[in-house]
Amino acid sequence: MTKQIILEAETKDDVMDITIAMMTLQVLILYEPRYTELGYESCFLCDEDLQIRILTTNNNE
């Protein structure tokens, strides 16, 4: 069973900035920022059982 850590950001720009920082640290990206049913998000793979999702539900930014 895959477990997730979900971090909520204030804006789309915050999601992008955190995504770039994680990529700089060479964390494996599962998918780049995109719109999903939850909002605007990106997702990283820590190992086969743990994902980190960064998202914002603020559609005004």
PDB file of N, CA and C in Angstrom:
ATOM      1  N   MET A   1       0.825  -1.176   0.000  1.00  0.00           N
ATOM      2  CA  MET A   1       0.000   0.000   0.000  1.00  0.00           C
ATOM      3  C   MET A   1       0.879   1.253   0.000  1.00  0.00           C
ATOM      4  N   THR A   2       0.621   2.144  -0.944  1.00  0.00           N
ATOM      5  CA  THR A   2       1.395   3.378  -1.047  1.00  0.00           C
ATOM      6  C   THR A   2       0.903   4.387  -0.023  1.00  0.00           C
ATOM      7  N   LYS A   3       1.838   4.991   0.687  1.00  0.00           N
ATOM      8  CA  LYS A   3       1.523   6.040   1.648  1.00  0.00           C
ATOM      9  C   LYS A   3       1.921   7.381   1.043  1.00  0.00           C
ATOM     10  N   GLN A   4       1.222   8.440   1.449  1.00  0.00           N
ATOM     11  CA  GLN A   4       1.499   9.759   0.920  1.00  0.00           C
ATOM     12  C   GLN A   4       1.658  10.781   2.033  1.00  0.00           C
ATOM     13  N   ILE A   5       2.580  11.696   1.795  1.00  0.00           N
ATOM     14  CA  ILE A   5       2.694  12.911   2.598  1.00  0.00           C
ATOM     15  C   ILE A   5       2.195  14.015   1.681  1.00  0.00           C
ATOM     16  N   ILE A   6       1.193  14.767   2.127  1.00  0.00           N
ATOM     17  CA  ILE A   6       0.624  15.823   1.297  1.00  0.00           C
ATOM     18  C   ILE A   6       0.951  17.164   1.935  1.00  0.00           C
ATOM     19  N   LEU A   7       1.627  18.010   1.167  1.00  0.00           N
ATOM     20  CA  LEU A   7       1.976  19.355   1.621  1.00  0.00           C
ATOM     21  C   LEU A   7       1.144  20.353   0.828  1.00  0.00           C
ATOM     22  N   GLU A   8       0.438  21.220   1.515  1.00  0.00           N
ATOM     23  CA  GLU A   8      -0.387  22.211   0.823  1.00  0.00           C
ATOM     24  C   GLU A   8       0.362  23.533   0.726  1.00  0.00           C
ATOM     25  N   ALA A   9       0.457  24.042  -0.486  1.00  0.00           N
ATOM     26  CA  ALA A   9       1.113  25.319  -0.746  1.00  0.00           C
ATOM     27  C   ALA A   9       0.052  26.398  -0.938  1.00  0.00           C
ATOM     28  N   GLU A  10       0.466  27.656  -0.812  1.00  0.00           N
ATOM     29  CA  GLU A  10      -0.471  28.774  -0.959  1.00  0.00           C
ATOM     30  C   GLU A  10      -0.857  29.023  -2.419  1.00  0.00           C
ATOM     31  N   THR A  11       0.114  28.935  -3.334  1.00  0.00           N
ATOM     32  CA  THR A  11      -0.127  29.315  -4.730  1.00  0.00           C
ATOM     33  C   THR A  11       0.500  28.310  -5.692  1.00  0.00           C
ATOM     34  N   LYS A  12       0.144  28.437  -6.982  1.00  0.00           N
ATOM     35  CA  LYS A  12       0.773  27.629  -8.024  1.00  0.00           C
ATOM     36  C   LYS A  12       2.273  27.903  -8.081  1.00  0.00           C
ATOM     37  N   ASP A  13       2.665  29.173  -7.907  1.00  0.00           N
ATOM     38  CA  ASP A  13       4.090  29.507  -7.919  1.00  0.00           C
ATOM     39  C   ASP A  13       4.841  28.793  -6.802  1.00  0.00           C
ATOM     40  N   ASP A  14       4.203  28.658  -5.644  1.00  0.00           N
ATOM     41  CA  ASP A  14       4.829  27.924  -4.542  1.00  0.00           C
ATOM     42  C   ASP A  14       5.026  26.452  -4.911  1.00  0.00           C
ATOM     43  N   VAL A  15       4.017  25.862  -5.559  1.00  0.00           N
ATOM     44  CA  VAL A  15       4.139  24.469  -6.007  1.00  0.00           C
ATOM     45  C   VAL A  15       5.328  24.349  -6.967  1.00  0.00           C
ATOM     46  N   MET A  16       5.425  25.280  -7.901  1.00  0.00           N
ATOM     47  CA  MET A  16       6.538  25.257  -8.863  1.00  0.00           C
ATOM     48  C   MET A  16       7.883  25.411  -8.161  1.00  0.00           C
ATOM     49  N   ASP A  17       7.982  26.372  -7.236  1.00  0.00           N
ATOM     50  CA  ASP A  17       9.247  26.617  -6.529  1.00  0.00           C
ATOM     51  C   ASP A  17       9.679  25.401  -5.722  1.00  0.00           C
ATOM     52  N   ILE A  18       8.744  24.780  -5.013  1.00  0.00           N
ATOM     53  CA  ILE A  18       9.075  23.588  -4.228  1.00  0.00           C
ATOM     54  C   ILE A  18       9.467  22.436  -5.150  1.00  0.00           C
ATOM     55  N   THR A  19       8.757  22.304  -6.270  1.00  0.00           N
ATOM     56  CA  THR A  19       9.074  21.244  -7.235  1.00  0.00           C
ATOM     57  C   THR A  19      10.488  21.413  -7.769  1.00  0.00           C
ATOM     58  N   ILE A  20      10.848  22.629  -8.133  1.00  0.00           N
ATOM     59  CA  ILE A  20      12.199  22.890  -8.647  1.00  0.00           C
ATOM     60  C   ILE A  20      13.238  22.592  -7.575  1.00  0.00           C
ATOM     61  N   ALA A  21      12.961  22.988  -6.330  1.00  0.00           N
ATOM     62  CA  ALA A  21      13.901  22.716  -5.236  1.00  0.00           C
ATOM     63  C   ALA A  21      14.084  21.212  -5.030  1.00  0.00           C
ATOM     64  N   MET A  22      12.990  20.460  -5.073  1.00  0.00           N
ATOM     65  CA  MET A  22      13.078  19.006  -4.896  1.00  0.00           C
ATOM     66  C   MET A  22      13.857  18.366  -6.051  1.00  0.00           C
ATOM     67  N   MET A  23      13.622  18.841  -7.263  1.00  0.00           N
ATOM     68  CA  MET A  23      14.352  18.304  -8.419  1.00  0.00           C
ATOM     69  C   MET A  23      15.841  18.613  -8.303  1.00  0.00           C
ATOM     70  N   THR A  24      16.162  19.796  -7.778  1.00  0.00           N
ATOM     71  CA  THR A  24      17.564  20.172  -7.568  1.00  0.00           C
ATOM     72  C   THR A  24      18.234  19.218  -6.580  1.00  0.00           C
ATOM     73  N   LEU A  25      17.461  18.749  -5.604  1.00  0.00           N
ATOM     74  CA  LEU A  25      17.968  17.771  -4.637  1.00  0.00           C
ATOM     75  C   LEU A  25      17.967  16.352  -5.188  1.00  0.00           C
ATOM     76  N   GLN A  26      17.557  16.206  -6.447  1.00  0.00           N
ATOM     77  CA  GLN A  26      17.522  14.936  -7.172  1.00  0.00           C
ATOM     78  C   GLN A  26      16.539  13.936  -6.575  1.00  0.00           C
ATOM     79  N   VAL A  27      15.438  14.463  -6.035  1.00  0.00           N
ATOM     80  CA  VAL A  27      14.353  13.589  -5.592  1.00  0.00           C
ATOM     81  C   VAL A  27      13.604  13.158  -6.853  1.00  0.00           C
ATOM     82  N   LEU A  28      13.323  11.890  -6.976  1.00  0.00           N
ATOM     83  CA  LEU A  28      12.665  11.342  -8.161  1.00  0.00           C
ATOM     84  C   LEU A  28      11.253  11.886  -8.282  1.00  0.00           C
ATOM     85  N   ILE A  29      10.947  12.500  -9.423  1.00  0.00           N
ATOM     86  CA  ILE A  29       9.620  13.084  -9.629  1.00  0.00           C
ATOM     87  C   ILE A  29       8.711  12.055 -10.285  1.00  0.00           C
ATOM     88  N   LEU A  30       7.531  11.879  -9.705  1.00  0.00           N
ATOM     89  CA  LEU A  30       6.543  10.967 -10.262  1.00  0.00           C
ATOM     90  C   LEU A  30       5.761  11.663 -11.371  1.00  0.00           C
ATOM     91  N   TYR A  31       5.360  12.926 -11.117  1.00  0.00           N
ATOM     92  CA  TYR A  31       4.807  13.754 -12.186  1.00  0.00           C
ATOM     93  C   TYR A  31       5.032  15.227 -11.876  1.00  0.00           C
ATOM     94  N   GLU A  32       5.272  15.982 -12.954  1.00  0.00           N
ATOM     95  CA  GLU A  32       5.504  17.412 -12.858  1.00  0.00           C
ATOM     96  C   GLU A  32       4.188  18.124 -12.546  1.00  0.00           C
ATOM     97  N   PRO A  33       4.275  19.403 -12.127  1.00  0.00           N
ATOM     98  CA  PRO A  33       3.056  20.135 -11.783  1.00  0.00           C
ATOM     99  C   PRO A  33       2.002  20.079 -12.883  1.00  0.00           C
ATOM    100  N   ARG A  34       0.772  19.841 -12.444  1.00  0.00           N
ATOM    101  CA  ARG A  34      -0.361  19.748 -13.368  1.00  0.00           C
ATOM    102  C   ARG A  34      -1.650  19.931 -12.575  1.00  0.00           C
ATOM    103  N   TYR A  35      -2.726  20.154 -13.302  1.00  0.00           N
ATOM    104  CA  TYR A  35      -4.038  20.243 -12.662  1.00  0.00           C
ATOM    105  C   TYR A  35      -4.608  18.840 -12.503  1.00  0.00           C
ATOM    106  N   THR A  36      -5.134  18.562 -11.308  1.00  0.00           N
ATOM    107  CA  THR A  36      -5.792  17.294 -11.017  1.00  0.00           C
ATOM    108  C   THR A  36      -7.140  17.588 -10.380  1.00  0.00           C
ATOM    109  N   GLU A  37      -7.843  16.547 -10.001  1.00  0.00           N
ATOM    110  CA  GLU A  37      -9.135  16.738  -9.345  1.00  0.00           C
ATOM    111  C   GLU A  37      -8.999  17.436  -7.990  1.00  0.00           C
ATOM    112  N   LEU A  38      -7.813  17.405  -7.386  1.00  0.00           N
ATOM    113  CA  LEU A  38      -7.590  18.056  -6.098  1.00  0.00           C
ATOM    114  C   LEU A  38      -7.132  19.500  -6.216  1.00  0.00           C
ATOM    115  N   GLY A  39      -6.581  19.868  -7.365  1.00  0.00           N
ATOM    116  CA  GLY A  39      -6.038  21.210  -7.558  1.00  0.00           C
ATOM    117  C   GLY A  39      -4.812  21.133  -8.440  1.00  0.00           C
ATOM    118  N   TYR A  40      -3.869  22.032  -8.215  1.00  0.00           N
ATOM    119  CA  TYR A  40      -2.615  22.072  -8.974  1.00  0.00           C
ATOM    120  C   TYR A  40      -1.563  21.378  -8.122  1.00  0.00           C
ATOM    121  N   GLU A  41      -0.906  20.357  -8.639  1.00  0.00           N
ATOM    122  CA  GLU A  41      -0.001  19.567  -7.796  1.00  0.00           C
ATOM    123  C   GLU A  41       1.132  18.928  -8.578  1.00  0.00           C
ATOM    124  N   SER A  42       2.152  18.547  -7.841  1.00  0.00           N
ATOM    125  CA  SER A  42       3.228  17.700  -8.350  1.00  0.00           C
ATOM    126  C   SER A  42       3.424  16.580  -7.331  1.00  0.00           C
ATOM    127  N   CYS A  43       4.140  15.531  -7.744  1.00  0.00           N
ATOM    128  CA  CYS A  43       4.302  14.387  -6.856  1.00  0.00           C
ATOM    129  C   CYS A  43       5.699  13.799  -7.005  1.00  0.00           C
ATOM    130  N   PHE A  44       6.291  13.457  -5.883  1.00  0.00           N
ATOM    131  CA  PHE A  44       7.628  12.865  -5.848  1.00  0.00           C
ATOM    132  C   PHE A  44       7.571  11.473  -5.251  1.00  0.00           C
ATOM    133  N   LEU A  45       8.496  10.651  -5.652  1.00  0.00           N
ATOM    134  CA  LEU A  45       8.562   9.272  -5.189  1.00  0.00           C
ATOM    135  C   LEU A  45       9.788   9.120  -4.293  1.00  0.00           C
ATOM    136  N   CYS A  46       9.529   8.879  -3.004  1.00  0.00           N
ATOM    137  CA  CYS A  46      10.642   8.679  -2.065  1.00  0.00           C
ATOM    138  C   CYS A  46      11.152   7.248  -2.129  1.00  0.00           C
ATOM    139  N   ASP A  47      10.237   6.316  -2.201  1.00  0.00           N
ATOM    140  CA  ASP A  47      10.540   4.916  -2.462  1.00  0.00           C
ATOM    141  C   ASP A  47       9.262   4.293  -3.003  1.00  0.00           C
ATOM    142  N   GLU A  48       9.242   3.013  -3.215  1.00  0.00           N
ATOM    143  CA  GLU A  48       8.074   2.413  -3.864  1.00  0.00           C
ATOM    144  C   GLU A  48       6.806   2.487  -3.020  1.00  0.00           C
ATOM    145  N   ASP A  49       6.935   2.783  -1.728  1.00  0.00           N
ATOM    146  CA  ASP A  49       5.774   2.829  -0.840  1.00  0.00           C
ATOM    147  C   ASP A  49       5.457   4.212  -0.279  1.00  0.00           C
ATOM    148  N   LEU A  50       6.219   5.240  -0.690  1.00  0.00           N
ATOM    149  CA  LEU A  50       6.007   6.572  -0.116  1.00  0.00           C
ATOM    150  C   LEU A  50       6.119   7.650  -1.188  1.00  0.00           C
ATOM    151  N   GLN A  51       5.069   8.476  -1.273  1.00  0.00           N
ATOM    152  CA  GLN A  51       5.038   9.598  -2.197  1.00  0.00           C
ATOM    153  C   GLN A  51       4.887  10.896  -1.407  1.00  0.00           C
ATOM    154  N   ILE A  52       5.432  11.985  -1.970  1.00  0.00           N
ATOM    155  CA  ILE A  52       5.206  13.315  -1.418  1.00  0.00           C
ATOM    156  C   ILE A  52       4.469  14.116  -2.481  1.00  0.00           C
ATOM    157  N   ARG A  53       3.273  14.576  -2.135  1.00  0.00           N
ATOM    158  CA  ARG A  53       2.483  15.405  -3.050  1.00  0.00           C
ATOM    159  C   ARG A  53       2.492  16.836  -2.551  1.00  0.00           C
ATOM    160  N   ILE A  54       2.725  17.763  -3.469  1.00  0.00           N
ATOM    161  CA  ILE A  54       2.703  19.185  -3.152  1.00  0.00           C
ATOM    162  C   ILE A  54       1.560  19.772  -3.960  1.00  0.00           C
ATOM    163  N   LEU A  55       0.589  20.415  -3.276  1.00  0.00           N
ATOM    164  CA  LEU A  55      -0.570  20.900  -4.018  1.00  0.00           C
ATOM    165  C   LEU A  55      -1.087  22.213  -3.469  1.00  0.00           C
ATOM    166  N   THR A  56      -1.825  22.898  -4.320  1.00  0.00           N
ATOM    167  CA  THR A  56      -2.583  24.059  -3.900  1.00  0.00           C
ATOM    168  C   THR A  56      -3.996  23.916  -4.421  1.00  0.00           C
ATOM    169  N   THR A  57      -4.953  24.259  -3.581  1.00  0.00           N
ATOM    170  CA  THR A  57      -6.353  24.247  -4.002  1.00  0.00           C
ATOM    171  C   THR A  57      -6.815  25.665  -4.287  1.00  0.00           C
ATOM    172  N   ASN A  58      -5.870  26.616  -4.185  1.00  0.00           N
ATOM    173  CA  ASN A  58      -6.163  28.021  -4.436  1.00  0.00           C
ATOM    174  C   ASN A  58      -6.169  28.250  -5.943  1.00  0.00           C
ATOM    175  N   ASN A  59      -7.335  28.317  -6.544  1.00  0.00           N
ATOM    176  CA  ASN A  59      -7.443  28.483  -7.985  1.00  0.00           C
ATOM    177  C   ASN A  59      -7.347  29.930  -8.431  1.00  0.00           C
ATOM    178  N   ASN A  60      -7.191  30.855  -7.483  1.00  0.00           N
ATOM    179  CA  ASN A  60      -7.119  32.266  -7.822  1.00  0.00           C
ATOM    180  C   ASN A  60      -5.720  32.697  -8.219  1.00  0.00           C
ATOM    181  N   GLU A  61      -4.736  31.872  -8.002  1.00  0.00           N
ATOM    182  CA  GLU A  61      -3.332  32.235  -8.295  1.00  0.00           C
ATOM    183  C   GLU A  61      -2.877  31.589  -9.576  1.00  0.00           C
TER     184      GLU A  61
END
